Protein backbone atom coordinates (compact mmCIF):
# COMPACT_ATOMS: atom_id res chain seq x y z
CA MET A 1 96.63 76.12 111.31
CA THR A 2 100.02 77.33 112.47
CA THR A 3 100.39 77.89 116.19
CA ASN A 4 102.88 79.77 118.31
CA THR A 5 103.71 82.26 115.57
CA ALA A 6 103.97 85.97 116.14
CA GLN A 7 101.41 88.24 114.48
CA VAL A 8 102.75 90.60 111.88
CA SER A 9 99.93 93.06 112.53
CA PRO A 10 96.76 93.10 114.61
CA PRO A 11 94.27 90.52 113.36
CA PHE A 12 91.99 91.78 110.64
CA ARG A 13 88.28 92.01 111.28
CA GLN A 14 86.16 90.08 108.79
CA ASP A 15 82.57 88.90 109.14
CA PRO A 16 81.83 85.85 106.93
CA ARG A 17 78.40 87.22 106.01
CA GLN A 18 77.91 89.84 103.31
CA VAL A 19 77.68 92.76 105.70
CA SER A 20 79.90 95.74 106.29
CA ASN A 21 82.51 95.74 109.02
CA THR A 22 83.84 98.68 111.00
CA LEU A 23 86.96 99.72 112.84
CA LYS A 24 86.65 102.41 115.49
CA LYS A 25 89.34 104.25 117.41
CA THR A 26 88.82 106.92 120.08
CA VAL A 27 91.83 109.15 120.72
CA ASN A 28 92.54 111.94 123.17
CA PHE A 29 95.02 114.81 122.93
CA ASN A 30 97.12 113.28 125.73
CA ASP A 31 97.12 109.56 124.80
CA ALA A 32 100.48 107.88 125.20
CA GLY A 33 102.28 107.77 121.84
CA ILE A 34 99.69 109.89 120.00
CA ALA A 35 102.37 112.26 118.63
CA SER A 36 104.16 109.37 116.92
CA GLY A 37 101.04 107.38 115.98
CA VAL A 38 98.85 104.83 117.74
CA ALA A 39 97.50 101.79 115.93
CA PHE A 40 93.88 100.70 115.70
CA ASP A 41 93.21 97.45 117.57
CA ASN A 42 92.42 95.54 114.36
CA SER A 43 93.40 95.62 110.71
CA ILE A 44 91.44 95.80 107.46
CA PRO A 45 91.85 92.63 105.35
CA ALA A 46 93.53 92.59 101.96
CA GLY A 47 91.06 93.20 99.14
CA ALA A 48 88.49 94.93 101.34
CA PHE A 49 86.46 97.77 99.83
CA ILE A 50 86.43 100.82 102.10
CA ILE A 51 82.87 102.17 102.10
CA GLY A 52 83.21 105.13 104.43
CA CYS A 53 85.38 107.06 106.83
CA TRP A 54 84.14 109.48 109.48
CA VAL A 55 85.89 111.56 112.11
CA GLU A 56 83.88 113.00 114.97
CA VAL A 57 85.56 115.67 117.05
CA VAL A 58 83.83 115.13 120.39
CA THR A 59 85.86 117.72 122.31
CA VAL A 60 87.84 120.42 120.52
CA PHE A 61 91.64 120.17 120.38
CA ASN A 62 92.73 123.51 121.82
CA ALA A 63 96.47 123.86 121.17
CA ALA A 64 97.27 127.56 120.71
CA ALA A 65 98.74 127.52 117.18
CA THR A 66 97.87 124.38 115.18
CA ASN A 67 96.25 121.01 115.74
CA VAL A 68 96.76 118.23 113.19
CA LEU A 69 94.93 114.90 113.40
CA VAL A 70 95.82 112.41 110.64
CA VAL A 71 95.17 108.74 109.94
CA GLY A 72 97.28 106.55 107.69
CA THR A 73 98.49 103.06 106.95
CA THR A 74 101.78 103.91 108.70
CA ALA A 75 102.40 105.86 111.89
CA ALA A 76 103.41 108.90 109.81
CA GLY A 77 100.84 108.29 107.06
CA THR A 78 98.10 110.59 105.85
CA ASN A 79 96.49 108.44 103.17
CA ILE A 80 93.26 107.86 105.12
CA VAL A 81 92.74 111.26 106.80
CA ALA A 82 95.14 114.03 105.81
CA ALA A 83 95.98 117.31 107.52
CA GLY A 84 93.21 119.77 106.73
CA ASP A 85 90.51 117.12 106.22
CA VAL A 86 89.14 117.70 109.74
CA ASN A 87 88.66 120.91 111.72
CA GLU A 88 90.06 119.86 115.09
CA ALA A 89 88.95 123.17 116.65
CA ALA A 90 85.23 122.51 116.12
CA THR A 91 82.99 119.69 117.30
CA GLY A 92 81.09 117.67 114.73
CA VAL A 93 81.39 114.82 112.23
CA THR A 94 83.46 115.05 109.05
CA VAL A 95 83.03 112.62 106.15
CA VAL A 96 86.42 111.81 104.62
CA THR A 97 86.36 110.37 101.09
CA ARG A 98 90.14 109.98 100.63
CA PRO A 99 90.41 106.24 101.50
CA LEU A 100 87.32 104.93 99.69
CA GLY A 101 87.58 101.87 97.45
CA ARG A 102 90.16 99.08 97.25
CA GLY A 103 93.28 101.16 96.61
CA LEU A 104 94.70 100.91 100.13
CA THR A 105 93.93 97.22 100.65
CA ALA A 106 94.76 95.81 97.19
CA ALA A 107 98.07 94.21 98.21
CA ALA A 108 97.83 93.34 101.90
CA ASP A 109 96.05 93.73 105.23
CA ILE A 110 96.43 97.28 106.55
CA THR A 111 96.54 98.58 110.10
CA PRO A 112 95.41 102.20 110.44
CA PHE A 113 97.34 104.56 112.73
CA VAL A 114 96.15 107.86 114.25
CA THR A 115 98.59 110.70 114.91
CA TYR A 116 97.89 114.02 116.62
CA THR A 117 100.47 116.81 116.62
CA GLN A 118 100.28 120.37 117.87
CA THR A 119 102.30 123.55 117.93
CA GLY A 120 102.18 126.55 120.22
CA THR A 121 100.85 126.24 123.74
CA ALA A 122 100.05 122.59 124.41
CA ALA A 123 96.46 121.38 124.17
CA THR A 124 94.52 120.73 127.36
CA THR A 125 91.46 119.23 125.67
CA GLY A 126 90.67 117.15 122.63
CA GLN A 127 88.95 113.91 121.76
CA ALA A 128 88.09 112.38 118.39
CA VAL A 129 86.43 109.16 117.25
CA ILE A 130 87.48 107.69 113.89
CA VAL A 131 85.28 105.08 112.19
CA ILE A 132 86.27 103.22 109.02
CA GLU A 133 83.60 101.05 107.35
CA PHE A 134 84.57 98.35 104.86
CA GLU A 135 83.20 95.32 103.07
CA GLY A 136 84.80 92.01 102.52
CA GLY A 137 88.36 91.25 101.88
CA TRP A 138 87.17 88.32 99.82
CA ALA A 139 88.63 87.00 96.58
CA SER A 140 85.62 88.05 94.49
């Protein structure tokens, strides 16, 4: 095992048993860096099969004109949760089917990023929880 080497991305999360794994990120309208994208604390391993993706708006995002919450494999990405997938102005859980399968993880580990942007009068409330469930990352 190599030591004293810098990580390229956060470590991926992988349970050696045949069970599903999850990544969870809670974001608020005023988190530092949220407008340019904040990374999840862990990555999804290469070859993993994404089983599910859910976004719960716990507290509505109340910017006057538009609220856009997206999740992607880059800070500006929308390939996990795109604009319009979630109603940021209403509480509740949204099932997002966009990232399901192996398409996003076929070539490498991926680190999801969450970005929230707004226009009009700035938001004073807003909290969302994003959960991504996946299996494996194994060779088979």
